[in-house]
Amino acid sequence: MHRPACWILIASSLLVAGCGTGPRPAGAGNTANARNAGEDERVKSLGTVEVTARLVEVREGAIFERDLYHYAAILKYEVVAVHRGPVEKGATIYVGHYDPWKPRSEAADKQVKDVGGNLRRFEAGHLHRMALEPSLDEVYLGPIVDKYFGKQSGPAYWAVWTNAAD
């Protein structure tokens, strides 16, 4: 006669068992026990510079979705680790990302073929492992949204590959 109570107990047990902290897809968030360095063969081999950097901010209007308008947005980073190339740990760098409203795995198109990564979206405070080219102007000739124009010095880098990292 106590079957409804039994089913509630079974359902509760299954719900609790399903809430484990197993592996999560890259870019989906972090767990305290799992470390994702954002390392893969593409980020390690593309570009001439490779860093892990924290996205400092996403300024209002820097990222917007327009299906018929392709652009690169300049975002501000603080370098936390240098894997290769002439960049200093702790440096502030500015990085151009093509069509930043798209997940990096979907960013490449007919105009810009050689960009990608596993990052799903840009959020201030998150770490990104990036393969970069040191001069955006030499690699990309399209429209640029630069909310830092006139407020920065040094080159703007071009993001070739961007992965989420912890």
N, C-alpha and C. Protein backbone atom coordinates (compact mmCIF):
# COMPACT_ATOMS: atom_id res chain seq x y z
N MET A 1 0.79 -1.18 0.00
CA MET A 1 0.00 0.00 0.00
C MET A 1 0.85 1.26 0.00
N HIS A 2 2.12 1.12 0.29
CA HIS A 2 2.98 2.30 0.37
C HIS A 2 3.76 2.49 -0.94
N ARG A 3 3.20 2.06 -2.02
CA ARG A 3 3.91 2.14 -3.30
C ARG A 3 4.23 3.58 -3.73
N PRO A 4 3.35 4.56 -3.59
CA PRO A 4 3.73 5.91 -4.00
C PRO A 4 4.98 6.39 -3.26
N ALA A 5 5.09 6.12 -1.98
CA ALA A 5 6.27 6.54 -1.22
C ALA A 5 7.52 5.82 -1.74
N CYS A 6 7.36 4.56 -2.11
CA CYS A 6 8.47 3.77 -2.65
C CYS A 6 8.95 4.38 -3.97
N TRP A 7 8.05 4.75 -4.84
CA TRP A 7 8.42 5.35 -6.13
C TRP A 7 9.10 6.69 -5.94
N ILE A 8 8.67 7.46 -4.97
CA ILE A 8 9.31 8.74 -4.69
C ILE A 8 10.74 8.52 -4.23
N LEU A 9 10.95 7.51 -3.38
CA LEU A 9 12.29 7.20 -2.90
C LEU A 9 13.19 6.75 -4.05
N ILE A 10 12.68 5.89 -4.93
CA ILE A 10 13.46 5.41 -6.07
C ILE A 10 13.79 6.57 -7.01
N ALA A 11 12.81 7.40 -7.32
CA ALA A 11 13.03 8.54 -8.22
C ALA A 11 14.05 9.50 -7.62
N SER A 12 13.97 9.74 -6.32
CA SER A 12 14.92 10.64 -5.66
C SER A 12 16.34 10.06 -5.72
N SER A 13 16.47 8.76 -5.54
CA SER A 13 17.78 8.11 -5.59
C SER A 13 18.39 8.25 -6.98
N LEU A 14 17.58 8.04 -8.01
CA LEU A 14 18.07 8.16 -9.38
C LEU A 14 18.47 9.59 -9.69
N LEU A 15 17.72 10.54 -9.22
CA LEU A 15 18.04 11.94 -9.45
C LEU A 15 19.37 12.30 -8.80
N VAL A 16 19.59 11.89 -7.58
CA VAL A 16 20.84 12.17 -6.88
C VAL A 16 22.00 11.48 -7.59
N ALA A 17 21.81 10.24 -8.00
CA ALA A 17 22.88 9.49 -8.68
C ALA A 17 23.24 10.15 -10.01
N GLY A 18 22.28 10.79 -10.67
CA GLY A 18 22.54 11.43 -11.96
C GLY A 18 23.20 12.78 -11.84
N CYS A 19 23.42 13.28 -10.66
CA CYS A 19 23.99 14.62 -10.47
C CYS A 19 25.46 14.57 -10.15
N GLY A 20 26.18 13.60 -10.63
CA GLY A 20 27.61 13.49 -10.36
C GLY A 20 28.40 14.60 -11.03
N THR A 21 29.67 14.64 -10.75
CA THR A 21 30.53 15.66 -11.33
C THR A 21 31.47 15.02 -12.34
N GLY A 22 30.91 14.29 -13.27
CA GLY A 22 31.71 13.65 -14.30
C GLY A 22 32.28 14.67 -15.27
N PRO A 23 32.96 14.22 -16.33
CA PRO A 23 33.57 15.13 -17.28
C PRO A 23 32.53 16.04 -17.92
N ARG A 24 32.92 17.28 -18.14
CA ARG A 24 32.04 18.24 -18.79
C ARG A 24 32.72 18.71 -20.05
N PRO A 25 31.94 19.07 -21.06
CA PRO A 25 32.56 19.56 -22.29
C PRO A 25 33.35 20.82 -22.05
N ALA A 26 34.41 20.99 -22.82
CA ALA A 26 35.23 22.19 -22.69
C ALA A 26 34.37 23.41 -22.93
N GLY A 27 34.58 24.43 -22.12
CA GLY A 27 33.83 25.66 -22.26
C GLY A 27 32.51 25.64 -21.55
N ALA A 28 32.14 24.51 -20.95
CA ALA A 28 30.84 24.40 -20.29
C ALA A 28 30.91 24.80 -18.83
N GLY A 29 32.07 25.07 -18.33
CA GLY A 29 32.22 25.41 -16.92
C GLY A 29 33.33 24.55 -16.33
N ASN A 30 33.64 24.80 -15.10
CA ASN A 30 34.77 24.12 -14.50
C ASN A 30 34.36 23.44 -13.21
N THR A 31 35.02 22.35 -12.89
CA THR A 31 34.83 21.74 -11.59
C THR A 31 36.12 21.91 -10.82
N ALA A 32 36.03 21.85 -9.52
CA ALA A 32 37.20 22.07 -8.68
C ALA A 32 38.26 20.99 -8.89
N ASN A 33 37.86 19.78 -9.26
CA ASN A 33 38.80 18.68 -9.37
C ASN A 33 39.36 18.47 -10.78
N ALA A 34 38.75 19.10 -11.78
CA ALA A 34 39.18 18.87 -13.15
C ALA A 34 39.93 20.11 -13.67
N ARG A 35 41.07 19.87 -14.28
CA ARG A 35 41.85 20.98 -14.84
C ARG A 35 41.87 20.82 -16.34
N ASN A 36 41.45 21.84 -17.04
CA ASN A 36 41.45 21.85 -18.49
C ASN A 36 42.44 22.92 -18.93
N ALA A 37 43.56 22.52 -19.45
CA ALA A 37 44.58 23.47 -19.89
C ALA A 37 44.27 24.05 -21.26
N GLY A 38 43.23 23.56 -21.93
CA GLY A 38 42.89 24.06 -23.25
C GLY A 38 43.85 23.61 -24.33
N GLU A 39 44.61 22.58 -24.03
CA GLU A 39 45.66 22.13 -24.93
C GLU A 39 45.11 21.12 -25.93
N ASP A 40 45.41 21.32 -27.20
CA ASP A 40 45.16 20.32 -28.23
C ASP A 40 46.20 20.54 -29.33
N GLU A 41 46.22 19.67 -30.32
CA GLU A 41 47.25 19.75 -31.36
C GLU A 41 47.16 21.04 -32.17
N ARG A 42 45.95 21.54 -32.40
CA ARG A 42 45.79 22.75 -33.21
C ARG A 42 46.34 23.98 -32.48
N VAL A 43 45.97 24.15 -31.21
CA VAL A 43 46.43 25.33 -30.47
C VAL A 43 47.95 25.28 -30.28
N LYS A 44 48.51 24.09 -30.23
CA LYS A 44 49.96 23.94 -30.04
C LYS A 44 50.74 24.13 -31.33
N SER A 45 50.09 24.05 -32.49
CA SER A 45 50.84 24.09 -33.75
C SER A 45 50.50 25.29 -34.64
N LEU A 46 49.35 25.90 -34.47
CA LEU A 46 48.97 27.03 -35.32
C LEU A 46 49.53 28.33 -34.75
N GLY A 47 49.59 29.35 -35.59
CA GLY A 47 50.06 30.66 -35.15
C GLY A 47 51.53 30.65 -34.77
N THR A 48 52.06 31.83 -34.47
CA THR A 48 53.44 31.94 -34.05
C THR A 48 53.57 32.27 -32.56
N VAL A 49 52.44 32.54 -31.92
CA VAL A 49 52.39 32.84 -30.49
C VAL A 49 51.32 31.96 -29.88
N GLU A 50 51.59 31.45 -28.67
CA GLU A 50 50.60 30.65 -27.95
C GLU A 50 50.61 31.06 -26.49
N VAL A 51 49.44 31.46 -26.00
CA VAL A 51 49.32 31.92 -24.62
C VAL A 51 48.05 31.36 -23.98
N THR A 52 48.04 31.36 -22.66
CA THR A 52 46.82 31.22 -21.90
C THR A 52 46.61 32.59 -21.28
N ALA A 53 45.41 33.15 -21.49
CA ALA A 53 45.15 34.50 -21.03
C ALA A 53 43.72 34.60 -20.50
N ARG A 54 43.56 35.53 -19.55
CA ARG A 54 42.24 35.79 -18.96
C ARG A 54 41.59 36.94 -19.72
N LEU A 55 40.36 36.72 -20.17
CA LEU A 55 39.60 37.77 -20.84
C LEU A 55 39.21 38.80 -19.79
N VAL A 56 39.73 40.01 -19.91
CA VAL A 56 39.55 41.04 -18.90
C VAL A 56 38.12 41.58 -18.90
N GLU A 57 37.59 41.85 -20.08
CA GLU A 57 36.24 42.40 -20.18
C GLU A 57 35.73 42.21 -21.60
N VAL A 58 34.42 42.30 -21.74
CA VAL A 58 33.78 42.35 -23.05
C VAL A 58 32.99 43.65 -23.04
N ARG A 59 33.53 44.65 -23.71
CA ARG A 59 32.88 45.96 -23.71
C ARG A 59 31.55 45.91 -24.46
N GLU A 60 30.63 46.71 -23.98
CA GLU A 60 29.30 46.77 -24.59
C GLU A 60 29.42 47.14 -26.07
N GLY A 61 28.73 46.38 -26.91
CA GLY A 61 28.74 46.61 -28.34
C GLY A 61 29.88 45.94 -29.08
N ALA A 62 30.79 45.28 -28.37
CA ALA A 62 31.92 44.62 -29.03
C ALA A 62 31.48 43.34 -29.74
N ILE A 63 30.50 42.66 -29.17
CA ILE A 63 30.03 41.40 -29.76
C ILE A 63 28.53 41.52 -30.02
N PHE A 64 28.17 41.34 -31.27
CA PHE A 64 26.76 41.37 -31.65
C PHE A 64 26.55 40.40 -32.80
N GLU A 65 25.36 39.87 -32.90
CA GLU A 65 25.07 38.85 -33.91
C GLU A 65 24.44 39.49 -35.13
N ARG A 66 25.08 39.30 -36.26
CA ARG A 66 24.56 39.74 -37.55
C ARG A 66 24.91 38.67 -38.56
N ASP A 67 23.93 37.94 -39.03
CA ASP A 67 24.20 36.86 -39.98
C ASP A 67 24.86 37.34 -41.26
N LEU A 68 24.51 38.53 -41.70
CA LEU A 68 25.04 39.02 -42.98
C LEU A 68 26.24 39.95 -42.81
N TYR A 69 26.70 40.14 -41.60
CA TYR A 69 27.82 41.05 -41.34
C TYR A 69 28.90 40.29 -40.58
N HIS A 70 30.02 40.11 -41.22
CA HIS A 70 31.14 39.39 -40.61
C HIS A 70 32.20 40.40 -40.18
N TYR A 71 32.71 40.24 -38.97
CA TYR A 71 33.65 41.20 -38.43
C TYR A 71 34.56 40.53 -37.41
N ALA A 72 35.61 41.22 -37.04
CA ALA A 72 36.47 40.80 -35.95
C ALA A 72 36.31 41.80 -34.81
N ALA A 73 36.19 41.30 -33.59
CA ALA A 73 36.10 42.16 -32.41
C ALA A 73 37.41 42.07 -31.65
N ILE A 74 37.90 43.21 -31.21
CA ILE A 74 39.11 43.27 -30.41
C ILE A 74 38.71 43.12 -28.94
N LEU A 75 39.30 42.13 -28.27
CA LEU A 75 39.04 41.88 -26.86
C LEU A 75 40.34 42.01 -26.07
N LYS A 76 40.22 42.41 -24.82
CA LYS A 76 41.37 42.68 -23.96
C LYS A 76 41.64 41.49 -23.04
N TYR A 77 42.92 41.07 -22.99
CA TYR A 77 43.34 39.92 -22.19
C TYR A 77 44.53 40.27 -21.30
N GLU A 78 44.66 39.51 -20.21
CA GLU A 78 45.86 39.52 -19.39
C GLU A 78 46.52 38.15 -19.53
N VAL A 79 47.76 38.11 -19.95
CA VAL A 79 48.48 36.86 -20.19
C VAL A 79 48.85 36.22 -18.85
N VAL A 80 48.44 34.96 -18.65
CA VAL A 80 48.78 34.24 -17.42
C VAL A 80 49.86 33.19 -17.65
N ALA A 81 50.05 32.76 -18.89
CA ALA A 81 51.11 31.80 -19.22
C ALA A 81 51.48 31.97 -20.69
N VAL A 82 52.78 31.89 -20.97
CA VAL A 82 53.27 31.96 -22.34
C VAL A 82 53.78 30.57 -22.71
N HIS A 83 53.26 30.00 -23.77
CA HIS A 83 53.66 28.67 -24.21
C HIS A 83 54.69 28.74 -25.33
N ARG A 84 54.58 29.78 -26.17
CA ARG A 84 55.59 30.04 -27.20
C ARG A 84 55.37 31.45 -27.76
N GLY A 85 56.45 32.04 -28.20
CA GLY A 85 56.39 33.37 -28.78
C GLY A 85 56.84 34.47 -27.82
N PRO A 86 57.08 35.66 -28.39
CA PRO A 86 57.64 36.77 -27.62
C PRO A 86 56.58 37.63 -26.90
N VAL A 87 55.90 37.04 -25.94
CA VAL A 87 54.92 37.76 -25.12
C VAL A 87 55.32 37.53 -23.67
N GLU A 88 55.13 38.53 -22.83
CA GLU A 88 55.49 38.39 -21.42
C GLU A 88 54.28 38.02 -20.57
N LYS A 89 54.52 37.14 -19.61
CA LYS A 89 53.50 36.81 -18.64
C LYS A 89 53.10 38.10 -17.91
N GLY A 90 51.82 38.32 -17.71
CA GLY A 90 51.31 39.52 -17.06
C GLY A 90 51.00 40.65 -18.01
N ALA A 91 51.41 40.51 -19.27
CA ALA A 91 51.17 41.57 -20.26
C ALA A 91 49.67 41.68 -20.58
N THR A 92 49.26 42.87 -20.93
CA THR A 92 47.92 43.09 -21.47
C THR A 92 48.05 43.03 -22.98
N ILE A 93 47.23 42.18 -23.60
CA ILE A 93 47.24 42.08 -25.06
C ILE A 93 45.82 42.27 -25.57
N TYR A 94 45.72 42.67 -26.83
CA TYR A 94 44.44 42.87 -27.48
C TYR A 94 44.38 41.88 -28.63
N VAL A 95 43.26 41.14 -28.69
CA VAL A 95 43.15 40.03 -29.64
C VAL A 95 41.88 40.18 -30.47
N GLY A 96 42.04 40.05 -31.78
CA GLY A 96 40.90 40.08 -32.69
C GLY A 96 40.35 38.68 -32.91
N HIS A 97 39.05 38.53 -32.66
CA HIS A 97 38.35 37.26 -32.88
C HIS A 97 37.33 37.45 -33.98
N TYR A 98 37.38 36.57 -34.98
CA TYR A 98 36.45 36.65 -36.11
C TYR A 98 35.07 36.15 -35.70
N ASP A 99 34.03 36.88 -36.08
CA ASP A 99 32.64 36.54 -35.77
C ASP A 99 32.50 36.01 -34.34
N PRO A 100 32.79 36.84 -33.35
CA PRO A 100 32.86 36.38 -31.96
C PRO A 100 31.53 35.93 -31.37
N TRP A 101 30.43 36.18 -32.02
CA TRP A 101 29.14 35.73 -31.52
C TRP A 101 28.90 34.25 -31.83
N LYS A 102 29.76 33.65 -32.63
CA LYS A 102 29.65 32.23 -32.95
C LYS A 102 30.58 31.41 -32.06
N PRO A 103 30.20 30.16 -31.77
CA PRO A 103 31.17 29.27 -31.13
C PRO A 103 32.40 29.16 -32.04
N ARG A 104 33.57 29.04 -31.47
CA ARG A 104 34.79 29.01 -32.29
C ARG A 104 34.78 27.88 -33.30
N SER A 105 34.14 26.77 -32.97
CA SER A 105 34.09 25.63 -33.90
C SER A 105 33.25 25.94 -35.14
N GLU A 106 32.46 27.01 -35.10
CA GLU A 106 31.60 27.40 -36.22
C GLU A 106 32.01 28.72 -36.85
N ALA A 107 33.11 29.31 -36.42
CA ALA A 107 33.49 30.65 -36.87
C ALA A 107 34.05 30.69 -38.29
N ALA A 108 34.73 29.67 -38.72
CA ALA A 108 35.32 29.67 -40.06
C ALA A 108 34.22 29.70 -41.12
N ASP A 109 34.50 30.40 -42.22
CA ASP A 109 33.56 30.48 -43.33
C ASP A 109 34.33 30.68 -44.63
N LYS A 110 33.66 31.08 -45.70
CA LYS A 110 34.32 31.27 -46.99
C LYS A 110 35.35 32.40 -46.95
N GLN A 111 35.08 33.43 -46.14
CA GLN A 111 35.99 34.57 -46.08
C GLN A 111 37.21 34.31 -45.20
N VAL A 112 36.99 33.66 -44.07
CA VAL A 112 38.06 33.37 -43.12
C VAL A 112 38.01 31.88 -42.81
N LYS A 113 38.93 31.13 -43.37
CA LYS A 113 38.88 29.67 -43.29
C LYS A 113 39.65 29.09 -42.10
N ASP A 114 40.69 29.78 -41.66
CA ASP A 114 41.62 29.17 -40.71
C ASP A 114 41.47 29.69 -39.28
N VAL A 115 40.25 29.64 -38.74
CA VAL A 115 40.02 29.96 -37.33
C VAL A 115 39.19 28.85 -36.73
N GLY A 116 39.30 28.68 -35.42
CA GLY A 116 38.50 27.63 -34.78
C GLY A 116 38.84 27.52 -33.31
N GLY A 117 38.45 26.39 -32.72
CA GLY A 117 38.69 26.12 -31.32
C GLY A 117 37.45 25.52 -30.68
N ASN A 118 37.51 25.31 -29.36
CA ASN A 118 36.36 24.71 -28.68
C ASN A 118 35.60 25.70 -27.79
N LEU A 119 36.04 26.95 -27.74
CA LEU A 119 35.35 27.95 -26.94
C LEU A 119 33.95 28.20 -27.49
N ARG A 120 32.97 28.21 -26.61
CA ARG A 120 31.57 28.41 -27.04
C ARG A 120 31.16 29.87 -27.04
N ARG A 121 31.62 30.64 -26.03
CA ARG A 121 31.26 32.06 -25.98
C ARG A 121 32.29 32.80 -25.12
N PHE A 122 32.36 34.09 -25.36
CA PHE A 122 33.31 34.95 -24.67
C PHE A 122 32.67 35.54 -23.43
N GLU A 123 33.28 35.25 -22.27
CA GLU A 123 32.80 35.78 -21.00
C GLU A 123 33.99 36.34 -20.21
N ALA A 124 33.83 37.56 -19.72
CA ALA A 124 34.89 38.20 -18.95
C ALA A 124 35.27 37.33 -17.76
N GLY A 125 36.56 37.27 -17.49
CA GLY A 125 37.08 36.49 -16.36
C GLY A 125 37.50 35.08 -16.72
N HIS A 126 37.08 34.58 -17.87
CA HIS A 126 37.41 33.21 -18.26
C HIS A 126 38.78 33.14 -18.91
N LEU A 127 39.41 31.98 -18.76
CA LEU A 127 40.72 31.73 -19.36
C LEU A 127 40.55 31.12 -20.74
N HIS A 128 41.42 31.55 -21.66
CA HIS A 128 41.44 31.02 -23.01
C HIS A 128 42.87 30.66 -23.39
N ARG A 129 43.03 29.50 -23.97
CA ARG A 129 44.33 29.13 -24.55
C ARG A 129 44.22 29.44 -26.03
N MET A 130 45.14 30.28 -26.52
CA MET A 130 45.01 30.78 -27.89
C MET A 130 46.29 30.63 -28.68
N ALA A 131 46.12 30.27 -29.94
CA ALA A 131 47.18 30.33 -30.93
C ALA A 131 46.95 31.63 -31.68
N LEU A 132 47.97 32.48 -31.73
CA LEU A 132 47.81 33.83 -32.26
C LEU A 132 48.84 34.14 -33.35
N GLU A 133 48.47 35.08 -34.19
CA GLU A 133 49.42 35.73 -35.09
C GLU A 133 49.62 37.13 -34.55
N PRO A 134 50.85 37.64 -34.56
CA PRO A 134 51.13 38.89 -33.88
C PRO A 134 50.62 40.16 -34.55
N SER A 135 50.13 40.11 -35.76
CA SER A 135 49.66 41.33 -36.40
C SER A 135 48.35 41.08 -37.13
N LEU A 136 47.27 41.47 -36.52
CA LEU A 136 45.94 41.31 -37.11
C LEU A 136 45.89 41.97 -38.48
N ASP A 137 46.51 43.14 -38.63
CA ASP A 137 46.46 43.88 -39.90
C ASP A 137 47.08 43.11 -41.07
N GLU A 138 48.01 42.22 -40.79
CA GLU A 138 48.65 41.45 -41.85
C GLU A 138 47.85 40.21 -42.24
N VAL A 139 46.91 39.81 -41.41
CA VAL A 139 46.19 38.56 -41.64
C VAL A 139 44.73 38.78 -42.03
N TYR A 140 44.13 39.83 -41.51
CA TYR A 140 42.69 40.05 -41.69
C TYR A 140 42.43 41.44 -42.26
N LEU A 141 41.65 41.49 -43.35
CA LEU A 141 41.38 42.76 -44.03
C LEU A 141 39.93 43.21 -43.91
N GLY A 142 39.12 42.52 -43.13
CA GLY A 142 37.71 42.85 -43.03
C GLY A 142 37.40 43.88 -41.97
N PRO A 143 36.10 44.08 -41.70
CA PRO A 143 35.67 45.05 -40.68
C PRO A 143 36.12 44.63 -39.28
N ILE A 144 36.44 45.64 -38.46
CA ILE A 144 36.90 45.41 -37.09
C ILE A 144 36.09 46.29 -36.14
N VAL A 145 35.61 45.68 -35.06
CA VAL A 145 34.98 46.43 -33.98
C VAL A 145 36.02 46.52 -32.87
N ASP A 146 36.53 47.74 -32.67
CA ASP A 146 37.60 47.95 -31.69
C ASP A 146 37.15 49.00 -30.68
N LYS A 147 36.64 48.56 -29.54
CA LYS A 147 36.19 49.46 -28.48
C LYS A 147 37.36 50.03 -27.70
N TYR A 148 38.61 49.67 -28.08
CA TYR A 148 39.81 50.19 -27.43
C TYR A 148 40.59 51.13 -28.35
N PHE A 149 40.01 51.46 -29.48
CA PHE A 149 40.72 52.28 -30.47
C PHE A 149 41.21 53.58 -29.82
N GLY A 150 42.50 53.86 -30.00
CA GLY A 150 43.11 55.06 -29.44
C GLY A 150 43.47 54.95 -27.97
N LYS A 151 43.14 53.81 -27.34
CA LYS A 151 43.41 53.64 -25.91
C LYS A 151 44.42 52.54 -25.64
N GLN A 152 45.04 52.01 -26.68
CA GLN A 152 45.98 50.91 -26.52
C GLN A 152 47.24 51.21 -27.31
N SER A 153 48.30 50.53 -26.95
CA SER A 153 49.53 50.62 -27.73
C SER A 153 49.96 49.20 -28.06
N GLY A 154 50.74 49.08 -29.08
CA GLY A 154 51.19 47.75 -29.47
C GLY A 154 50.24 47.11 -30.47
N PRO A 155 50.63 45.92 -30.93
CA PRO A 155 49.84 45.27 -31.97
C PRO A 155 48.56 44.64 -31.43
N ALA A 156 47.60 44.49 -32.31
CA ALA A 156 46.44 43.66 -32.02
C ALA A 156 46.74 42.30 -32.63
N TYR A 157 46.61 41.26 -31.85
CA TYR A 157 46.86 39.90 -32.31
C TYR A 157 45.64 39.36 -33.02
N TRP A 158 45.86 38.37 -33.87
CA TRP A 158 44.78 37.67 -34.56
C TRP A 158 44.64 36.28 -33.94
N ALA A 159 43.45 35.94 -33.47
CA ALA A 159 43.20 34.63 -32.88
C ALA A 159 42.98 33.61 -33.98
N VAL A 160 43.89 32.67 -34.07
CA VAL A 160 43.75 31.58 -35.05
C VAL A 160 42.95 30.44 -34.42
N TRP A 161 43.26 30.11 -33.16
CA TRP A 161 42.60 29.00 -32.49
C TRP A 161 42.36 29.40 -31.04
N THR A 162 41.15 29.22 -30.54
CA THR A 162 40.81 29.63 -29.17
C THR A 162 40.08 28.51 -28.44
N ASN A 163 40.69 28.02 -27.39
CA ASN A 163 40.08 26.96 -26.56
C ASN A 163 39.78 27.49 -25.16
N ALA A 164 38.76 26.94 -24.56
CA ALA A 164 38.47 27.24 -23.16
C ALA A 164 39.54 26.57 -22.30
N ALA A 165 39.91 27.20 -21.19
CA ALA A 165 40.90 26.66 -20.27
C ALA A 165 40.47 26.99 -18.85
N ASP A 166 41.05 26.29 -17.87
CA ASP A 166 40.80 26.57 -16.46
C ASP A 166 41.97 27.32 -15.90
